[in-house]
């Protein structure tokens, strides 16, 4: 049995993870910790994997603490940037146990990961690409980590294809053109009734391709969470891994 601790267990996502772990035949809960509780009770002697779903202001400290205690970590909290990732890499290099791993997912929904992958494949063939992400109004970050990851993947594909800046004749938009991430405009909508949705719009003269992923409830993320837990336990992914596509052989 895989011993799983859930950090942020009383939150919206954390409580869903608790239910998913309880329903899995190959897993058992070792600890359920609220995001403000002490992590000292979790160590490699009683936990194989910690799943961390808290808030961006707490997540990095939680991950560094767990790594220092010899525990592998699956992270669903958003708000990661390169400086934070570098701190995790440094902690893993000094970790007390060989082969320790941290996995960070911009999104655990299989549909969203595939949309991201398909968008990167398609982006090299289109003159224009924009990203629209739509979430419930309780989401704390904007744009979403998924949309940022999608924009970065699109930009990398365009650079590899030798494409230049996308056409945009807007003279003054007053901020309405969205945040620009690696040259890609990303628009964020926060609306009651939504859960998690993303559209990637790709355009050429006379044609358009729309790639859309919809997650209608938090259960859509659980398959990806359990996949990540099982992958890290296998021991085949030491160090820092980012993105669920790592485990999907895309």
C-alpha atoms as a PDB file:
ATOM      1  CA  UNK A   1       0.000   0.000   0.000  1.00  0.00           C
ATOM      2  CA  UNK A   2       1.209   3.498  -0.886  1.00  0.00           C
ATOM      3  CA  UNK A   3       1.125   5.674   2.232  1.00  0.00           C
ATOM      4  CA  UNK A   4      -0.154   9.123   1.285  1.00  0.00           C
ATOM      5  CA  UNK A   5      -0.276  12.281   3.394  1.00  0.00           C
ATOM      6  CA  UNK A   6      -2.541  15.096   2.196  1.00  0.00           C
ATOM      7  CA  UNK A   7      -1.484  18.666   3.015  1.00  0.00           C
ATOM      8  CA  UNK A   8      -4.390  21.082   2.833  1.00  0.00           C
ATOM      9  CA  UNK A   9      -6.803  18.236   3.467  1.00  0.00           C
ATOM     10  CA  UNK A  10      -9.695  20.505   4.457  1.00  0.00           C
ATOM     11  CA  UNK A  11      -9.550  22.606   1.298  1.00  0.00           C
ATOM     12  CA  UNK A  12     -11.624  22.117  -1.828  1.00  0.00           C
ATOM     13  CA  UNK A  13      -8.982  20.133  -3.697  1.00  0.00           C
ATOM     14  CA  UNK A  14      -7.429  18.528  -0.627  1.00  0.00           C
ATOM     15  CA  UNK A  15     -10.717  17.027   0.521  1.00  0.00           C
ATOM     16  CA  UNK A  16     -11.215  15.546  -2.958  1.00  0.00           C
ATOM     17  CA  UNK A  17      -7.736  14.015  -2.791  1.00  0.00           C
ATOM     18  CA  UNK A  18      -8.585  12.459   0.582  1.00  0.00           C
ATOM     19  CA  UNK A  19     -11.670  10.843  -0.943  1.00  0.00           C
ATOM     20  CA  UNK A  20      -9.713   9.619  -3.979  1.00  0.00           C
ATOM     21  CA  UNK A  21      -6.954   8.078  -1.842  1.00  0.00           C
ATOM     22  CA  UNK A  22      -9.538   6.352   0.371  1.00  0.00           C
ATOM     23  CA  UNK A  23     -11.195   4.913  -2.737  1.00  0.00           C
ATOM     24  CA  UNK A  24      -7.936   3.658  -4.293  1.00  0.00           C
ATOM     25  CA  UNK A  25      -7.184  -0.027  -3.748  1.00  0.00           C
ATOM     26  CA  UNK A  26      -3.413   0.508  -3.576  1.00  0.00           C
ATOM     27  CA  UNK A  27      -3.275   3.547  -1.249  1.00  0.00           C
ATOM     28  CA  UNK A  28      -3.846   4.406   2.390  1.00  0.00           C
ATOM     29  CA  UNK A  29      -3.921   7.764   4.175  1.00  0.00           C
ATOM     30  CA  UNK A  30      -1.016   8.305   6.549  1.00  0.00           C
ATOM     31  CA  UNK A  31      -1.895  11.890   7.582  1.00  0.00           C
ATOM     32  CA  UNK A  32      -4.406  14.600   6.782  1.00  0.00           C
ATOM     33  CA  UNK A  33      -2.948  18.017   7.544  1.00  0.00           C
ATOM     34  CA  UNK A  34      -4.636  21.390   7.244  1.00  0.00           C
ATOM     35  CA  UNK A  35      -2.474  24.005   5.513  1.00  0.00           C
ATOM     36  CA  UNK A  36      -1.623  25.775   8.802  1.00  0.00           C
ATOM     37  CA  UNK A  37      -0.741  22.653  10.824  1.00  0.00           C
ATOM     38  CA  UNK A  38       2.768  21.439  11.651  1.00  0.00           C
ATOM     39  CA  UNK A  39       4.360  19.067   9.125  1.00  0.00           C
ATOM     40  CA  UNK A  40       6.861  17.619  11.618  1.00  0.00           C
ATOM     41  CA  UNK A  41       4.840  14.422  12.065  1.00  0.00           C
ATOM     42  CA  UNK A  42       5.357  13.467   8.409  1.00  0.00           C
ATOM     43  CA  UNK A  43       8.563  11.637   7.517  1.00  0.00           C
ATOM     44  CA  UNK A  44       9.828   8.843   5.270  1.00  0.00           C
ATOM     45  CA  UNK A  45       9.167   6.309   8.018  1.00  0.00           C
ATOM     46  CA  UNK A  46       5.399   6.779   7.876  1.00  0.00           C
ATOM     47  CA  UNK A  47       4.705   8.380   4.466  1.00  0.00           C
ATOM     48  CA  UNK A  48       5.698   7.505   0.914  1.00  0.00           C
ATOM     49  CA  UNK A  49       4.161  10.521  -0.850  1.00  0.00           C
ATOM     50  CA  UNK A  50       2.764  13.833   0.374  1.00  0.00           C
ATOM     51  CA  UNK A  51       0.157  15.501  -1.838  1.00  0.00           C
ATOM     52  CA  UNK A  52       0.263  19.278  -1.334  1.00  0.00           C
ATOM     53  CA  UNK A  53      -2.771  21.433  -2.150  1.00  0.00           C
ATOM     54  CA  UNK A  54      -2.616  24.640  -0.102  1.00  0.00           C
ATOM     55  CA  UNK A  55      -2.058  28.257  -1.200  1.00  0.00           C
ATOM     56  CA  UNK A  56       0.801  29.847  -3.172  1.00  0.00           C
ATOM     57  CA  UNK A  57       2.127  31.708  -0.119  1.00  0.00           C
ATOM     58  CA  UNK A  58       2.578  28.443   1.819  1.00  0.00           C
ATOM     59  CA  UNK A  59       3.375  25.867  -0.834  1.00  0.00           C
ATOM     60  CA  UNK A  60       7.098  26.477  -1.323  1.00  0.00           C
ATOM     61  CA  UNK A  61       7.806  26.322   2.426  1.00  0.00           C
ATOM     62  CA  UNK A  62       5.774  23.129   2.721  1.00  0.00           C
ATOM     63  CA  UNK A  63       7.630  21.469  -0.141  1.00  0.00           C
ATOM     64  CA  UNK A  64      11.058  22.422   1.193  1.00  0.00           C
ATOM     65  CA  UNK A  65      10.117  21.125   4.652  1.00  0.00           C
ATOM     66  CA  UNK A  66       8.854  17.801   3.315  1.00  0.00           C
ATOM     67  CA  UNK A  67      11.921  17.315   1.125  1.00  0.00           C
ATOM     68  CA  UNK A  68      14.101  17.972   4.169  1.00  0.00           C
ATOM     69  CA  UNK A  69      12.174  15.264   6.023  1.00  0.00           C
ATOM     70  CA  UNK A  70      12.857  12.697   3.299  1.00  0.00           C
ATOM     71  CA  UNK A  71       9.384  12.692   1.722  1.00  0.00           C
ATOM     72  CA  UNK A  72       8.523  12.811  -1.985  1.00  0.00           C
ATOM     73  CA  UNK A  73       5.910  15.425  -2.869  1.00  0.00           C
ATOM     74  CA  UNK A  74       3.149  15.793  -5.470  1.00  0.00           C
ATOM     75  CA  UNK A  75       2.184  19.482  -5.694  1.00  0.00           C
ATOM     76  CA  UNK A  76      -1.085  20.830  -7.057  1.00  0.00           C
ATOM     77  CA  UNK A  77      -0.815  24.365  -5.670  1.00  0.00           C
ATOM     78  CA  UNK A  78      -0.286  26.956  -8.402  1.00  0.00           C
ATOM     79  CA  UNK A  79       1.838  30.117  -8.414  1.00  0.00           C
ATOM     80  CA  UNK A  80       5.241  28.586  -9.195  1.00  0.00           C
ATOM     81  CA  UNK A  81       7.936  30.536 -11.026  1.00  0.00           C
ATOM     82  CA  UNK A  82      11.510  29.733 -11.969  1.00  0.00           C
ATOM     83  CA  UNK A  83      13.015  31.165  -8.760  1.00  0.00           C
ATOM     84  CA  UNK A  84      10.806  28.908  -6.638  1.00  0.00           C
ATOM     85  CA  UNK A  85      11.550  25.889  -8.826  1.00  0.00           C
ATOM     86  CA  UNK A  86      15.269  26.548  -8.408  1.00  0.00           C
ATOM     87  CA  UNK A  87      14.882  26.465  -4.620  1.00  0.00           C
ATOM     88  CA  UNK A  88      13.219  23.063  -4.915  1.00  0.00           C
ATOM     89  CA  UNK A  89      16.042  21.792  -7.129  1.00  0.00           C
ATOM     90  CA  UNK A  90      18.583  22.973  -4.565  1.00  0.00           C
ATOM     91  CA  UNK A  91      16.665  21.272  -1.725  1.00  0.00           C
ATOM     92  CA  UNK A  92      16.509  18.018  -3.671  1.00  0.00           C
ATOM     93  CA  UNK A  93      20.264  18.153  -4.288  1.00  0.00           C
ATOM     94  CA  UNK A  94      20.723  18.311  -0.502  1.00  0.00           C
ATOM     95  CA  UNK A  95      17.912  15.850   0.323  1.00  0.00           C
ATOM     96  CA  UNK A  96      18.525  13.234   3.025  1.00  0.00           C
ATOM     97  CA  UNK A  97      17.403  10.335   0.820  1.00  0.00           C
ATOM     98  CA  UNK A  98      18.770   9.335  -2.595  1.00  0.00           C
ATOM     99  CA  UNK A  99      16.371   9.616  -5.494  1.00  0.00           C
ATOM    100  CA  UNK A 100      13.911  11.948  -3.811  1.00  0.00           C
ATOM    101  CA  UNK A 101      11.363  13.507  -6.122  1.00  0.00           C
ATOM    102  CA  UNK A 102       9.011  16.461  -6.350  1.00  0.00           C
ATOM    103  CA  UNK A 103       6.315  16.678  -8.995  1.00  0.00           C
ATOM    104  CA  UNK A 104       4.508  19.956  -9.733  1.00  0.00           C
ATOM    105  CA  UNK A 105       1.452  20.007 -11.988  1.00  0.00           C
ATOM    106  CA  UNK A 106       0.011  23.154 -13.553  1.00  0.00           C
ATOM    107  CA  UNK A 107      -3.093  20.991 -14.090  1.00  0.00           C
ATOM    108  CA  UNK A 108      -4.049  17.434 -13.152  1.00  0.00           C
ATOM    109  CA  UNK A 109      -6.888  17.097 -15.685  1.00  0.00           C
ATOM    110  CA  UNK A 110      -5.916  14.738 -18.505  1.00  0.00           C
ATOM    111  CA  UNK A 111      -7.998  16.814 -20.948  1.00  0.00           C
ATOM    112  CA  UNK A 112      -6.114  19.999 -20.064  1.00  0.00           C
ATOM    113  CA  UNK A 113      -2.725  18.303 -20.402  1.00  0.00           C
ATOM    114  CA  UNK A 114      -3.648  16.945 -23.830  1.00  0.00           C
ATOM    115  CA  UNK A 115      -4.979  20.375 -24.898  1.00  0.00           C
ATOM    116  CA  UNK A 116      -1.652  21.908 -23.880  1.00  0.00           C
ATOM    117  CA  UNK A 117       0.230  19.254 -25.853  1.00  0.00           C
ATOM    118  CA  UNK A 118      -1.926  19.629 -28.968  1.00  0.00           C
ATOM    119  CA  UNK A 119      -1.639  23.430 -28.811  1.00  0.00           C
ATOM    120  CA  UNK A 120       2.151  23.251 -28.819  1.00  0.00           C
ATOM    121  CA  UNK A 121       2.041  20.920 -31.827  1.00  0.00           C
ATOM    122  CA  UNK A 122      -0.357  23.177 -33.738  1.00  0.00           C
ATOM    123  CA  UNK A 123       1.179  26.548 -32.827  1.00  0.00           C
ATOM    124  CA  UNK A 124       4.007  26.264 -35.351  1.00  0.00           C
ATOM    125  CA  UNK A 125       1.495  26.173 -38.219  1.00  0.00           C
ATOM    126  CA  UNK A 126      -0.595  29.239 -37.307  1.00  0.00           C
ATOM    127  CA  UNK A 127       0.111  32.940 -37.605  1.00  0.00           C
ATOM    128  CA  UNK A 128      -1.898  33.901 -34.507  1.00  0.00           C
ATOM    129  CA  UNK A 129      -2.515  32.171 -31.169  1.00  0.00           C
ATOM    130  CA  UNK A 130      -4.323  33.410 -28.064  1.00  0.00           C
ATOM    131  CA  UNK A 131      -5.276  31.664 -24.827  1.00  0.00           C
ATOM    132  CA  UNK A 132      -8.508  32.155 -22.897  1.00  0.00           C
ATOM    133  CA  UNK A 133      -8.866  30.634 -19.422  1.00  0.00           C
ATOM    134  CA  UNK A 134     -12.125  30.673 -17.467  1.00  0.00           C
ATOM    135  CA  UNK A 135     -12.495  29.780 -13.791  1.00  0.00           C
ATOM    136  CA  UNK A 136     -14.723  30.214 -10.758  1.00  0.00           C
ATOM    137  CA  UNK A 137     -14.308  33.542  -8.910  1.00  0.00           C
ATOM    138  CA  UNK A 138     -12.701  31.911  -5.833  1.00  0.00           C
ATOM    139  CA  UNK A 139      -9.513  31.084  -7.744  1.00  0.00           C
ATOM    140  CA  UNK A 140      -6.679  33.153  -6.230  1.00  0.00           C
ATOM    141  CA  UNK A 141      -4.314  33.463  -9.198  1.00  0.00           C
ATOM    142  CA  UNK A 142      -4.818  34.935 -12.658  1.00  0.00           C
ATOM    143  CA  UNK A 143      -3.891  33.909 -15.222  1.00  0.00           C
ATOM    144  CA  UNK A 144      -4.040  30.284 -14.154  1.00  0.00           C
ATOM    145  CA  UNK A 145      -0.902  28.164 -13.923  1.00  0.00           C
ATOM    146  CA  UNK A 146      -2.312  26.003 -16.711  1.00  0.00           C
ATOM    147  CA  UNK A 147      -2.704  28.983 -19.049  1.00  0.00           C
ATOM    148  CA  UNK A 148       0.812  30.209 -18.259  1.00  0.00           C
ATOM    149  CA  UNK A 149       2.190  26.741 -19.011  1.00  0.00           C
ATOM    150  CA  UNK A 150       0.192  26.606 -22.255  1.00  0.00           C
ATOM    151  CA  UNK A 151       1.475  30.006 -23.374  1.00  0.00           C
ATOM    152  CA  UNK A 152       5.066  29.034 -22.625  1.00  0.00           C
ATOM    153  CA  UNK A 153       4.691  25.793 -24.599  1.00  0.00           C
ATOM    154  CA  UNK A 154       3.188  27.704 -27.542  1.00  0.00           C
ATOM    155  CA  UNK A 155       5.988  30.263 -27.462  1.00  0.00           C
ATOM    156  CA  UNK A 156       8.662  27.541 -27.374  1.00  0.00           C
ATOM    157  CA  UNK A 157       7.090  25.778 -30.367  1.00  0.00           C
ATOM    158  CA  UNK A 158       6.937  29.040 -32.330  1.00  0.00           C
ATOM    159  CA  UNK A 159      10.567  29.831 -31.582  1.00  0.00           C
ATOM    160  CA  UNK A 160      11.590  26.335 -32.687  1.00  0.00           C
ATOM    161  CA  UNK A 161       9.669  26.870 -35.938  1.00  0.00           C
ATOM    162  CA  UNK A 162      11.410  30.209 -36.514  1.00  0.00           C
ATOM    163  CA  UNK A 163       8.202  32.256 -36.279  1.00  0.00           C
ATOM    164  CA  UNK A 164       8.303  35.921 -35.359  1.00  0.00           C
ATOM    165  CA  UNK A 165       5.918  38.043 -33.275  1.00  0.00           C
ATOM    166  CA  UNK A 166       2.220  37.542 -33.877  1.00  0.00           C
ATOM    167  CA  UNK A 167       0.336  40.301 -35.725  1.00  0.00           C
ATOM    168  CA  UNK A 168      -1.457  42.828 -33.532  1.00  0.00           C
ATOM    169  CA  UNK A 169      -2.317  46.306 -34.731  1.00  0.00           C
ATOM    170  CA  UNK A 170      -3.842  47.447 -31.434  1.00  0.00           C
ATOM    171  CA  UNK A 171      -2.598  50.956 -30.650  1.00  0.00           C
ATOM    172  CA  UNK A 172      -3.878  51.285 -27.071  1.00  0.00           C
ATOM    173  CA  UNK A 173      -5.884  48.537 -25.428  1.00  0.00           C
ATOM    174  CA  UNK A 174      -6.243  49.841 -21.868  1.00  0.00           C
ATOM    175  CA  UNK A 175      -5.254  46.421 -20.591  1.00  0.00           C
ATOM    176  CA  UNK A 176      -7.991  44.595 -22.472  1.00  0.00           C
ATOM    177  CA  UNK A 177      -5.592  42.462 -24.521  1.00  0.00           C
ATOM    178  CA  UNK A 178      -4.691  40.264 -21.565  1.00  0.00           C
ATOM    179  CA  UNK A 179      -1.336  39.480 -19.990  1.00  0.00           C
ATOM    180  CA  UNK A 180       1.432  38.802 -22.495  1.00  0.00           C
ATOM    181  CA  UNK A 181       3.432  35.669 -21.647  1.00  0.00           C
ATOM    182  CA  UNK A 182       6.358  34.952 -23.967  1.00  0.00           C
ATOM    183  CA  UNK A 183       4.588  36.949 -26.665  1.00  0.00           C
ATOM    184  CA  UNK A 184       1.258  35.117 -26.246  1.00  0.00           C
ATOM    185  CA  UNK A 185      -1.826  37.023 -25.050  1.00  0.00           C
ATOM    186  CA  UNK A 186      -3.579  35.224 -22.171  1.00  0.00           C
ATOM    187  CA  UNK A 187      -7.048  36.306 -21.042  1.00  0.00           C
ATOM    188  CA  UNK A 188      -8.551  35.373 -17.663  1.00  0.00           C
ATOM    189  CA  UNK A 189     -12.286  35.190 -16.900  1.00  0.00           C
ATOM    190  CA  UNK A 190     -13.639  34.731 -13.344  1.00  0.00           C
ATOM    191  CA  UNK A 191     -17.334  33.885 -13.339  1.00  0.00           C
ATOM    192  CA  UNK A 192     -19.707  32.213 -10.889  1.00  0.00           C
ATOM    193  CA  UNK A 193     -20.892  28.882 -12.257  1.00  0.00           C
ATOM    194  CA  UNK A 194     -17.611  28.010 -13.973  1.00  0.00           C
ATOM    195  CA  UNK A 195     -15.090  25.472 -12.707  1.00  0.00           C
ATOM    196  CA  UNK A 196     -11.952  25.221 -14.898  1.00  0.00           C
ATOM    197  CA  UNK A 197     -11.962  25.790 -18.652  1.00  0.00           C
ATOM    198  CA  UNK A 198      -9.376  26.708 -21.276  1.00  0.00           C
ATOM    199  CA  UNK A 199      -9.576  27.607 -24.959  1.00  0.00           C
ATOM    200  CA  UNK A 200      -6.610  27.951 -27.284  1.00  0.00           C
ATOM    201  CA  UNK A 201      -7.520  29.923 -30.411  1.00  0.00           C
ATOM    202  CA  UNK A 202      -5.238  29.482 -33.428  1.00  0.00           C
ATOM    203  CA  UNK A 203      -5.762  31.458 -36.632  1.00  0.00           C
ATOM    204  CA  UNK A 204      -4.527  31.766 -40.179  1.00  0.00           C
ATOM    205  CA  UNK A 205      -6.006  33.680 -43.076  1.00  0.00           C
ATOM    206  CA  UNK A 206      -9.372  32.020 -43.748  1.00  0.00           C
ATOM    207  CA  UNK A 207      -9.182  29.341 -41.028  1.00  0.00           C
ATOM    208  CA  UNK A 208      -9.340  28.826 -37.287  1.00  0.00           C
ATOM    209  CA  UNK A 209      -8.578  25.952 -34.944  1.00  0.00           C
ATOM    210  CA  UNK A 210     -10.077  25.916 -31.440  1.00  0.00           C
ATOM    211  CA  UNK A 211      -8.741  23.538 -28.790  1.00  0.00           C
ATOM    212  CA  UNK A 212     -10.868  23.475 -25.638  1.00  0.00           C
ATOM    213  CA  UNK A 213     -10.664  21.563 -22.360  1.00  0.00           C
ATOM    214  CA  UNK A 214     -13.416  21.642 -19.718  1.00  0.00           C
ATOM    215  CA  UNK A 215     -13.261  20.355 -16.155  1.00  0.00           C
ATOM    216  CA  UNK A 216     -16.748  20.470 -14.689  1.00  0.00           C
ATOM    217  CA  UNK A 217     -15.880  19.411 -11.136  1.00  0.00           C
ATOM    218  CA  UNK A 218     -12.858  18.613  -8.986  1.00  0.00           C
ATOM    219  CA  UNK A 219     -13.253  14.899  -9.595  1.00  0.00           C
ATOM    220  CA  UNK A 220     -11.759  15.489 -13.043  1.00  0.00           C
ATOM    221  CA  UNK A 221      -8.358  16.123 -11.451  1.00  0.00           C
ATOM    222  CA  UNK A 222      -8.173  12.985  -9.329  1.00  0.00           C
ATOM    223  CA  UNK A 223      -7.076  10.582 -12.065  1.00  0.00           C
ATOM    224  CA  UNK A 224      -4.040  12.782 -12.656  1.00  0.00           C
ATOM    225  CA  UNK A 225      -3.256  13.101  -8.934  1.00  0.00           C
ATOM    226  CA  UNK A 226      -3.280   9.323  -8.429  1.00  0.00           C
ATOM    227  CA  UNK A 227      -1.242   8.836 -11.599  1.00  0.00           C
ATOM    228  CA  UNK A 228       1.431  11.191 -10.238  1.00  0.00           C
ATOM    229  CA  UNK A 229       1.491   9.466  -6.837  1.00  0.00           C
ATOM    230  CA  UNK A 230       1.990   6.065  -8.441  1.00  0.00           C
ATOM    231  CA  UNK A 231       4.657   7.401 -10.808  1.00  0.00           C
ATOM    232  CA  UNK A 232       6.772   8.903  -8.013  1.00  0.00           C
ATOM    233  CA  UNK A 233       6.489   5.759  -5.899  1.00  0.00           C
ATOM    234  CA  UNK A 234       7.896   3.764  -8.822  1.00  0.00           C
ATOM    235  CA  UNK A 235      11.217   5.550  -8.297  1.00  0.00           C
ATOM    236  CA  UNK A 236      11.641   6.333 -11.962  1.00  0.00           C
ATOM    237  CA  UNK A 237      11.380  10.120 -11.684  1.00  0.00           C
ATOM    238  CA  UNK A 238      14.020  11.467  -9.250  1.00  0.00           C
ATOM    239  CA  UNK A 239      14.516  15.199  -8.893  1.00  0.00           C
ATOM    240  CA  UNK A 240      12.059  17.897  -9.962  1.00  0.00           C
ATOM    241  CA  UNK A 241       9.403  17.086 -12.560  1.00  0.00           C
ATOM    242  CA  UNK A 242       6.895  19.615 -13.904  1.00  0.00           C
ATOM    243  CA  UNK A 243       3.780  18.776 -15.927  1.00  0.00           C
ATOM    244  CA  UNK A 244       1.609  15.681 -16.051  1.00  0.00           C
ATOM    245  CA  UNK A 245       2.744  15.033 -19.628  1.00  0.00           C
ATOM    246  CA  UNK A 246       5.921  13.636 -17.987  1.00  0.00           C
ATOM    247  CA  UNK A 247       3.944  10.480 -17.232  1.00  0.00           C
ATOM    248  CA  UNK A 248       1.773  10.258 -20.364  1.00  0.00           C
ATOM    249  CA  UNK A 249       4.403   9.272 -22.986  1.00  0.00           C
ATOM    250  CA  UNK A 250       3.316  12.117 -25.259  1.00  0.00           C
END
